[in-house]
Amino acid sequence: MDKPAMASVFRMRHAPATVSGVRSIGQGQADPIFRPRSLGEAIQLVASAYPHYDISAAVIAYGDPPTPRLGSLEAKMLWREYGERWREA
């Protein structure tokens, strides 16, 4: 993901988003279910879920259907680039 694409995602940080594909790594524990949240919160959640959860199949959906979904690698990259600014107004 290049810098212009990251900036575009950052501008949408308040858009509604859903998180799926996060798996529990504890034996006998149910996979977590996350309520809809802002894109910024979703990115922070996925980026900080490891090592407590398996995020290899994590997907963040936001925006209109043609908007590309974000995976765990993109979430980590975006979190490294913008950090706590995802949660700012």
Protein backbone atom coordinates (compact mmCIF):
# COMPACT_ATOMS: atom_id res chain seq x y z
CA MET A 1 0.00 0.00 0.00
CA ASP A 2 1.53 3.29 -1.09
CA LYS A 3 1.40 6.61 0.78
CA PRO A 4 -1.48 8.12 -1.30
CA ALA A 5 -3.60 5.01 -0.71
CA MET A 6 -2.86 5.13 3.02
CA ALA A 7 -3.79 8.84 3.11
CA SER A 8 -7.07 8.03 1.36
CA VAL A 9 -7.92 5.38 3.94
CA PHE A 10 -6.92 7.74 6.76
CA ARG A 11 -9.34 10.40 5.48
CA MET A 12 -12.13 7.83 5.88
CA ARG A 13 -11.18 7.01 9.49
CA HIS A 14 -14.64 7.90 10.81
CA ALA A 15 -16.53 5.75 8.28
CA PRO A 16 -18.46 2.79 9.68
CA ALA A 17 -16.50 -0.44 9.47
CA THR A 18 -16.87 -4.10 10.36
CA VAL A 19 -14.17 -6.55 11.42
CA SER A 20 -14.31 -10.26 10.65
CA GLY A 21 -11.89 -13.17 10.44
CA VAL A 22 -10.21 -12.65 13.83
CA ARG A 23 -9.77 -16.03 15.49
CA SER A 24 -9.14 -17.03 19.08
CA ILE A 25 -5.91 -18.90 19.69
CA GLY A 26 -6.99 -20.26 23.07
CA GLN A 27 -8.11 -23.85 23.13
CA GLY A 28 -11.86 -24.08 23.66
CA GLN A 29 -12.40 -20.32 23.36
CA ALA A 30 -14.97 -18.90 20.98
CA ASP A 31 -13.90 -16.57 18.21
CA PRO A 32 -14.59 -12.93 19.07
CA ILE A 33 -17.52 -11.07 17.54
CA PHE A 34 -16.96 -7.36 17.07
CA ARG A 35 -19.68 -4.74 16.83
CA PRO A 36 -19.54 -2.22 13.98
CA ARG A 37 -17.19 0.64 14.77
CA SER A 38 -15.32 3.44 13.03
CA LEU A 39 -12.61 2.52 10.55
CA GLY A 40 -9.98 4.01 12.86
CA GLU A 41 -11.12 1.84 15.77
CA ALA A 42 -11.25 -1.22 13.53
CA ILE A 43 -7.68 -0.66 12.35
CA GLN A 44 -6.46 -0.23 15.92
CA LEU A 45 -8.33 -3.37 17.01
CA VAL A 46 -6.79 -5.55 14.30
CA ALA A 47 -3.32 -4.03 14.62
CA SER A 48 -3.25 -4.62 18.39
CA ALA A 49 -5.02 -8.01 18.47
CA TYR A 50 -1.86 -10.01 17.82
CA PRO A 51 -0.51 -12.01 19.73
CA HIS A 52 -3.73 -12.67 21.62
CA TYR A 53 -5.66 -13.54 18.47
CA ASP A 54 -4.93 -15.01 15.06
CA ILE A 55 -5.38 -12.10 12.66
CA SER A 56 -4.06 -13.82 9.52
CA ALA A 57 -7.59 -13.93 8.03
CA ALA A 58 -8.79 -10.59 9.45
CA VAL A 59 -10.80 -8.38 7.11
CA ILE A 60 -11.95 -4.81 7.65
CA ALA A 61 -14.85 -3.78 5.42
CA TYR A 62 -15.79 -0.11 5.07
CA GLY A 63 -17.26 2.27 2.54
CA ASP A 64 -19.21 1.27 -0.55
CA PRO A 65 -18.95 -2.32 -1.87
CA PRO A 66 -16.29 -1.55 -4.51
CA THR A 67 -13.97 -0.17 -1.79
CA PRO A 68 -11.14 -2.67 -1.28
CA ARG A 69 -11.20 -4.41 2.08
CA LEU A 70 -8.22 -4.18 4.38
CA GLY A 71 -6.39 -7.23 5.69
CA SER A 72 -4.21 -7.59 8.76
CA LEU A 73 -1.03 -6.53 6.94
CA GLU A 74 -2.65 -3.30 5.74
CA ALA A 75 -4.06 -2.64 9.21
CA LYS A 76 -0.60 -3.02 10.79
CA MET A 77 0.98 -0.84 8.11
CA LEU A 78 -1.66 1.86 8.56
CA TRP A 79 -1.33 1.75 12.35
CA ARG A 80 2.46 2.15 12.09
CA GLU A 81 2.03 5.13 9.76
CA TYR A 82 -0.67 7.03 11.69
CA GLY A 83 -0.77 5.50 15.20
CA GLU A 84 -3.16 7.10 17.67
CA ARG A 85 -4.26 9.66 15.07
CA TRP A 86 -6.79 7.04 13.88
CA ARG A 87 -8.89 7.88 16.92
CA GLU A 88 -8.65 11.68 16.71
CA ALA A 89 -11.63 13.77 15.65
